[in-house]
Amino acid sequence: MKNKVLIVYTGGTIGMVQDENGSLKPFPMDHIYDLVPELKKCTYTIDTCQMDNIIDSSNMTPTCWIELAEIIERQYDNYDGFVILHGTDTMAYTASALSFMFKNLSKPIILTGSQLPMGVLRSDGRENIICALELASCREAYIPEVCLFFENHLYRGNRSTKVSAENFDAFCSFNYPSLAKAAIKLSFKPHLFLPKPVKPLEVRKSFDRNITVLKLFPGITPTVVEAILHTPDLHGVIIETFGSGNAPTEPWFINAIADAIKRGIVVLNVTQCKAGAVIMGQYEASCELSRIGVIGGNDITLEAAVTKMMYILGTYPNDLDHVRQSLQYSLRGEITTTLNDSCNI
């Protein structure tokens, strides 16, 4: 019996072709074999669908994530794997969000896209679609997690970040190795996969959007910090700090963060560096943050930090202790911890 893969189109460069006037327009995905005739040689069945309103990925929202999750949830038992075609700008955010939404996932969900439209001669989209489908349908190495495929590499979705707006190798996973590579052969690293769950799938669909990101820079003023921390209905703040989690030690800054925490705002510390981790207390410049109750984000990406905080605050809106605790643990492999420091919520 052939494996079956469902392609879900959300919008973005990969689904665009040029019309007779040279303008880019979305291509109907039910004609995928016309766009990528090589797929006629595949040994699995491909079906397609799309979101109700296809969008540029810059317009991606938690509402869109929920719609995507519901499409897959409805079709979960009918397919062996799923490929989501997505614009590159927010692909890492969507991959991270979906990873948290799908608890006990036992089938591959692979996001991919392209830097050049499919209708352009040198488009990278054709190879990305073919490889993502091959990986999603592969019986030899079933990958039970949300992934992102780009330019020959399969990454854990919540470990990925976009690093280039002009090169074909647009994504990277700095703090976790790739899960597979597409070369002459598909090569897998199953020891890096999340363990296949034994419990049935659960799809969580609650997000709290009342969070913000405070990016530090030399010379940031009390007025700016206070304005951000007093945003109405604010529930969570992600501070992008320097190096391994360092921040200004001036009393005005520490007092402003401490006051936010006392008001019930959850504060998570992530590094501005693409590689490496927050190590609270390693330097004096982070000791005060630790003392007042700022949570260390370890080696989490910004994309995963944003979606994880939205997810946890939305799932446990009335239990701040549980929220703070959950931010310190690995839920879907998004931070580096020992097995005993992981939890599944």
Protein backbone atom coordinates (compact mmCIF):
# COMPACT_ATOMS: atom_id res chain seq x y z
CA MET A 1 0.00 0.00 0.00
CA LYS A 2 1.36 3.41 -0.98
CA ASN A 3 2.13 6.02 1.65
CA LYS A 4 0.06 9.19 1.41
CA VAL A 5 1.29 12.74 1.94
CA LEU A 6 -0.85 15.87 2.17
CA ILE A 7 0.54 19.18 0.91
CA VAL A 8 -0.95 22.23 2.64
CA TYR A 9 -0.34 25.56 0.90
CA THR A 10 -0.40 28.72 3.02
CA GLY A 11 0.97 31.21 0.51
CA GLY A 12 4.44 32.62 -0.05
CA THR A 13 7.05 32.65 -2.78
CA ILE A 14 7.11 28.92 -3.39
CA GLY A 15 3.58 28.84 -4.81
CA MET A 16 4.01 31.80 -7.16
CA VAL A 17 4.33 31.70 -10.94
CA GLN A 18 4.53 34.43 -13.54
CA ASP A 19 1.53 35.21 -15.72
CA GLU A 20 1.72 36.39 -19.32
CA ASN A 21 2.39 39.95 -18.11
CA GLY A 22 5.28 38.89 -15.91
CA SER A 23 3.38 39.43 -12.66
CA LEU A 24 3.54 36.84 -9.89
CA LYS A 25 0.35 35.04 -8.92
CA PRO A 26 -0.48 31.96 -6.82
CA PHE A 27 -0.45 28.63 -8.64
CA PRO A 28 -3.39 26.25 -8.03
CA MET A 29 -1.93 23.46 -5.91
CA ASP A 30 -4.28 20.83 -7.32
CA HIS A 31 -2.14 21.13 -10.47
CA ILE A 32 1.06 20.35 -8.55
CA TYR A 33 2.07 17.68 -11.09
CA ASP A 34 2.05 20.31 -13.84
CA LEU A 35 4.25 22.58 -11.75
CA VAL A 36 6.61 19.79 -10.66
CA PRO A 37 6.30 17.00 -13.25
CA GLU A 38 9.06 15.02 -11.53
CA LEU A 39 6.50 14.11 -8.86
CA LYS A 40 4.80 11.77 -11.33
CA LYS A 41 7.69 9.38 -10.65
CA CYS A 42 7.13 9.26 -6.90
CA THR A 43 6.09 6.04 -5.16
CA TYR A 44 3.58 7.67 -2.81
CA THR A 45 0.24 9.40 -3.22
CA ILE A 46 0.08 13.19 -3.01
CA ASP A 47 -3.03 15.22 -2.21
CA THR A 48 -3.20 18.99 -1.84
CA CYS A 49 -5.24 21.61 -0.01
CA GLN A 50 -4.77 25.18 1.07
CA MET A 51 -5.77 27.62 3.78
CA ASP A 52 -9.03 29.48 3.25
CA ASN A 53 -7.08 32.65 2.51
CA ILE A 54 -3.53 32.25 1.24
CA ILE A 55 -1.30 34.98 2.65
CA ASP A 56 2.16 36.45 2.56
CA SER A 57 3.94 34.95 5.53
CA SER A 58 4.47 38.43 6.98
CA ASN A 59 0.74 38.33 7.77
CA MET A 60 0.98 35.03 9.67
CA THR A 61 -0.87 35.06 13.02
CA PRO A 62 -1.83 32.60 15.78
CA THR A 63 -5.25 32.39 14.12
CA CYS A 64 -3.52 31.06 11.00
CA TRP A 65 -1.55 28.57 13.09
CA ILE A 66 -4.81 27.26 14.52
CA GLU A 67 -6.32 26.93 11.03
CA LEU A 68 -3.25 25.00 9.88
CA ALA A 69 -3.37 22.73 12.91
CA GLU A 70 -7.07 22.02 12.37
CA ILE A 71 -6.47 21.06 8.73
CA ILE A 72 -3.85 18.53 9.81
CA GLU A 73 -5.92 17.36 12.79
CA ARG A 74 -8.88 16.57 10.52
CA GLN A 75 -6.69 14.65 8.08
CA TYR A 76 -4.30 13.14 10.60
CA ASP A 77 -5.52 9.56 10.29
CA ASN A 78 -5.72 9.72 6.49
CA TYR A 79 -2.08 10.52 5.74
CA ASP A 80 1.36 9.29 6.69
CA GLY A 81 3.00 12.70 6.56
CA PHE A 82 2.34 16.38 5.89
CA VAL A 83 4.22 19.05 3.95
CA ILE A 84 3.37 22.71 4.54
CA LEU A 85 4.38 25.21 1.84
CA HIS A 86 5.05 28.48 3.60
CA GLY A 87 6.71 31.85 3.03
CA THR A 88 10.20 32.05 4.46
CA ASP A 89 9.89 35.22 6.56
CA THR A 90 7.90 33.65 9.39
CA MET A 91 8.40 29.96 8.64
CA ALA A 92 10.49 29.36 11.78
CA TYR A 93 7.74 30.95 13.91
CA THR A 94 5.08 28.69 12.38
CA ALA A 95 7.26 25.59 12.73
CA SER A 96 7.85 26.43 16.39
CA ALA A 97 4.19 27.15 17.09
CA LEU A 98 3.01 23.91 15.48
CA SER A 99 5.59 21.91 17.42
CA PHE A 100 4.04 23.07 20.68
CA MET A 101 0.46 22.62 19.47
CA PHE A 102 0.92 18.97 18.47
CA LYS A 103 1.42 17.00 21.66
CA ASN A 104 2.31 13.31 21.13
CA LEU A 105 2.91 13.82 17.41
CA SER A 106 3.82 10.54 15.71
CA LYS A 107 3.95 11.65 12.06
CA PRO A 108 6.23 14.10 10.23
CA ILE A 109 5.02 17.63 9.59
CA ILE A 110 7.59 19.34 7.35
CA LEU A 111 7.56 23.01 6.40
CA THR A 112 9.38 24.21 3.33
CA GLY A 113 9.43 27.14 0.93
CA SER A 114 11.73 28.86 -1.52
CA GLN A 115 13.73 32.00 -2.10
CA LEU A 116 12.69 32.21 -5.75
CA PRO A 117 9.16 31.62 -7.10
CA MET A 118 8.44 28.25 -8.67
CA GLY A 119 7.80 29.93 -11.99
CA VAL A 120 11.37 31.26 -12.16
CA LEU A 121 13.89 29.13 -14.03
CA ARG A 122 16.42 28.87 -11.18
CA SER A 123 13.86 28.43 -8.41
CA ASP A 124 14.99 26.43 -5.40
CA GLY A 125 11.36 25.56 -4.67
CA ARG A 126 11.20 22.52 -6.93
CA GLU A 127 14.00 20.68 -5.11
CA ASN A 128 12.71 21.74 -1.70
CA ILE A 129 9.22 20.38 -2.41
CA ILE A 130 10.51 17.09 -3.80
CA CYS A 131 12.88 16.50 -0.87
CA ALA A 132 10.31 17.49 1.75
CA LEU A 133 7.83 15.04 0.24
CA GLU A 134 10.43 12.28 0.10
CA LEU A 135 11.23 12.82 3.77
CA ALA A 136 7.58 13.04 4.84
CA SER A 137 6.74 9.79 3.06
CA CYS A 138 9.84 7.81 3.99
CA ARG A 139 9.10 4.48 5.68
CA GLU A 140 12.74 3.88 6.62
CA ALA A 141 13.02 6.73 9.12
CA TYR A 142 9.73 8.02 10.44
CA ILE A 143 10.29 11.41 12.05
CA PRO A 144 7.74 12.14 14.81
CA GLU A 145 8.10 15.91 14.94
CA VAL A 146 7.55 19.23 13.22
CA CYS A 147 10.52 19.98 10.96
CA LEU A 148 11.75 22.59 8.51
CA PHE A 149 13.46 21.58 5.27
CA PHE A 150 15.59 23.96 3.25
CA GLU A 151 18.56 23.61 0.90
CA ASN A 152 19.26 19.91 1.53
CA HIS A 153 18.90 20.00 5.33
CA LEU A 154 16.07 18.88 7.59
CA TYR A 155 16.02 20.82 10.85
CA ARG A 156 13.93 20.53 14.00
CA GLY A 157 11.33 23.22 13.44
CA ASN A 158 11.65 24.90 16.83
CA ARG A 159 15.44 25.04 16.52
CA SER A 160 15.43 26.85 13.17
CA THR A 161 15.93 30.48 12.31
CA LYS A 162 16.11 32.42 9.06
CA VAL A 163 19.61 33.75 8.44
CA SER A 164 19.60 35.03 4.85
CA ALA A 165 17.24 36.95 2.61
CA GLU A 166 19.23 36.27 -0.56
CA ASN A 167 20.98 32.89 -0.35
CA PHE A 168 19.35 29.53 -0.99
CA ASP A 169 20.64 28.23 2.35
CA ALA A 170 18.31 30.63 4.13
CA PHE A 171 17.86 28.71 7.39
CA CYS A 172 20.13 27.35 10.05
CA SER A 173 19.90 25.52 13.36
CA PHE A 174 22.82 26.82 15.41
CA ASN A 175 22.27 24.96 18.66
CA TYR A 176 21.06 21.57 17.39
CA PRO A 177 22.31 19.43 14.48
CA SER A 178 20.23 18.79 11.39
CA LEU A 179 18.02 15.69 11.57
CA ALA A 180 18.63 14.55 8.00
CA LYS A 181 20.40 15.57 4.81
CA ALA A 182 19.30 15.19 1.22
CA ALA A 183 22.33 14.41 -0.96
CA ILE A 184 22.73 11.55 -3.43
CA LYS A 185 20.97 9.55 -0.74
CA LEU A 186 18.74 10.62 2.12
CA SER A 187 20.78 10.27 5.29
CA PHE A 188 19.05 10.30 8.67
CA LYS A 189 20.21 10.83 12.25
CA PRO A 190 17.53 8.94 14.18
CA HIS A 191 19.39 9.33 17.48
CA LEU A 192 18.56 13.04 17.25
CA PHE A 193 14.81 12.55 16.68
CA LEU A 194 12.29 13.11 19.42
CA PRO A 195 11.09 9.77 20.84
CA LYS A 196 8.00 8.39 19.18
CA PRO A 197 5.09 8.88 21.61
CA VAL A 198 2.96 6.09 23.00
CA LYS A 199 -0.02 8.28 23.87
CA PRO A 200 -2.62 9.55 21.37
CA LEU A 201 -2.28 12.89 19.64
CA GLU A 202 -3.54 16.03 21.35
CA VAL A 203 -3.81 19.34 19.51
CA ARG A 204 -3.64 22.44 21.73
CA LYS A 205 -5.06 25.60 20.19
CA SER A 206 -4.78 28.36 22.77
CA PHE A 207 -2.36 31.25 22.40
CA ASP A 208 -1.97 34.39 24.51
CA ARG A 209 -0.86 37.20 22.21
CA ASN A 210 -0.30 39.67 25.06
CA ILE A 211 3.46 39.37 25.05
CA THR A 212 6.28 41.51 23.74
CA VAL A 213 10.00 41.42 22.96
CA LEU A 214 12.37 43.92 24.59
CA LYS A 215 15.61 44.04 22.61
CA LEU A 216 18.42 45.64 24.57
CA PHE A 217 20.98 47.97 23.02
CA PRO A 218 23.61 50.31 24.45
CA GLY A 219 21.92 53.56 25.40
CA ILE A 220 18.39 52.21 25.78
CA THR A 221 16.46 54.72 27.91
CA PRO A 222 14.23 54.31 30.96
CA THR A 223 11.39 55.88 28.98
CA VAL A 224 11.51 53.16 26.32
CA VAL A 225 11.77 50.31 28.83
CA GLU A 226 8.98 51.66 31.02
CA ALA A 227 6.71 52.19 28.00
CA ILE A 228 7.18 48.58 26.89
CA LEU A 229 6.74 47.11 30.37
CA HIS A 230 3.54 49.11 30.94
CA THR A 231 1.85 48.00 27.73
CA PRO A 232 -1.83 47.47 28.64
CA ASP A 233 -2.80 43.83 29.39
CA LEU A 234 0.81 42.67 29.06
CA HIS A 235 1.34 39.10 30.34
CA GLY A 236 4.83 38.18 29.18
CA VAL A 237 8.12 39.80 28.12
CA ILE A 238 11.05 38.24 26.30
CA ILE A 239 14.25 40.21 26.90
CA GLU A 240 16.87 39.84 24.19
CA THR A 241 20.04 40.32 26.21
CA PHE A 242 23.72 40.48 25.36
CA GLY A 243 26.05 37.47 25.19
CA SER A 244 25.19 34.74 27.66
CA GLY A 245 22.26 36.67 29.14
CA ASN A 246 23.77 39.95 30.29
CA ALA A 247 21.86 43.20 30.77
CA PRO A 248 22.43 46.66 32.24
CA THR A 249 22.92 46.68 36.01
CA GLU A 250 21.72 50.26 36.57
CA PRO A 251 19.14 50.42 39.36
CA TRP A 252 16.49 51.97 37.10
CA PHE A 253 16.63 48.96 34.75
CA ILE A 254 16.63 46.28 37.44
CA ASN A 255 13.83 48.05 39.33
CA ALA A 256 11.71 48.32 36.18
CA ILE A 257 12.01 44.59 35.46
CA ALA A 258 11.44 43.68 39.12
CA ASP A 259 8.30 45.81 39.21
CA ALA A 260 6.96 44.08 36.08
CA ILE A 261 7.50 40.67 37.68
CA LYS A 262 5.72 41.81 40.86
CA ARG A 263 2.77 42.83 38.68
CA GLY A 264 2.51 39.24 37.42
CA ILE A 265 4.34 39.66 34.11
CA VAL A 266 6.45 36.65 33.14
CA VAL A 267 9.94 37.66 31.98
CA LEU A 268 12.16 35.33 29.90
CA ASN A 269 15.81 36.01 29.12
CA VAL A 270 17.10 34.96 25.67
CA THR A 271 20.37 35.88 24.01
CA GLN A 272 20.70 38.08 20.95
CA CYS A 273 23.42 35.73 19.70
CA LYS A 274 22.39 33.19 17.08
CA ALA A 275 24.49 30.47 18.71
CA GLY A 276 25.05 29.76 22.37
CA ALA A 277 22.88 29.99 25.43
CA VAL A 278 21.78 32.16 28.33
CA ILE A 279 23.66 31.16 31.48
CA MET A 280 22.14 33.14 34.32
CA GLY A 281 24.73 34.17 36.91
CA GLN A 282 27.78 33.42 34.80
CA TYR A 283 28.60 37.13 34.82
CA GLU A 284 27.68 39.84 37.28
CA ALA A 285 25.58 41.51 34.59
CA SER A 286 23.04 38.66 34.75
CA CYS A 287 23.11 37.94 38.48
CA GLU A 288 20.62 40.67 39.28
CA LEU A 289 18.18 39.37 36.67
CA SER A 290 18.31 35.96 38.26
CA ARG A 291 17.82 37.44 41.73
CA ILE A 292 14.62 39.29 40.82
CA GLY A 293 13.01 36.27 39.11
CA VAL A 294 13.83 36.55 35.42
CA ILE A 295 13.71 33.09 33.79
CA GLY A 296 16.71 31.88 31.82
CA GLY A 297 15.86 30.77 28.28
CA ASN A 298 18.88 28.51 27.82
CA ASP A 299 19.64 28.07 24.08
CA ILE A 300 16.12 28.68 22.76
CA THR A 301 15.67 30.67 19.54
CA LEU A 302 13.67 33.88 19.60
CA GLU A 303 11.05 32.28 17.34
CA ALA A 304 10.60 29.37 19.70
CA ALA A 305 10.63 31.65 22.76
CA VAL A 306 7.83 33.82 21.34
CA THR A 307 5.59 30.92 20.36
CA LYS A 308 6.34 28.90 23.49
CA MET A 309 5.42 31.81 25.76
CA MET A 310 2.21 32.41 23.79
CA TYR A 311 1.40 28.71 24.00
CA ILE A 312 2.07 28.25 27.71
CA LEU A 313 0.31 31.45 28.75
CA GLY A 314 -2.65 30.46 26.58
CA THR A 315 -2.74 26.91 27.94
CA TYR A 316 -2.35 27.82 31.63
CA PRO A 317 -3.73 31.38 31.90
CA ASN A 318 -4.44 31.17 35.61
CA ASP A 319 -1.34 29.35 36.83
CA LEU A 320 1.71 31.61 36.66
CA ASP A 321 3.84 29.23 38.69
CA HIS A 322 3.21 26.50 36.12
CA VAL A 323 3.96 28.96 33.31
CA ARG A 324 7.28 29.98 34.84
CA GLN A 325 8.24 26.37 35.49
CA SER A 326 7.29 25.20 31.99
CA LEU A 327 9.41 27.89 30.33
CA GLN A 328 12.49 26.33 31.93
CA TYR A 329 11.81 22.83 30.57
CA SER A 330 12.00 21.30 27.12
CA LEU A 331 8.51 20.59 25.79
CA ARG A 332 9.31 19.54 22.22
CA GLY A 333 13.11 19.56 22.11
CA GLU A 334 13.33 23.35 21.77
CA ILE A 335 16.06 23.72 24.40
CA THR A 336 18.99 21.56 25.39
CA THR A 337 18.29 19.69 28.60
CA THR A 338 18.81 16.26 30.03
CA LEU A 339 15.97 13.77 29.62
CA ASN A 340 15.00 14.25 33.27
CA ASP A 341 14.60 17.99 32.69
CA SER A 342 12.03 17.58 29.93
CA CYS A 343 8.26 17.63 30.26
CA ASN A 344 5.37 17.11 27.91
CA ILE A 345 2.54 19.62 28.27
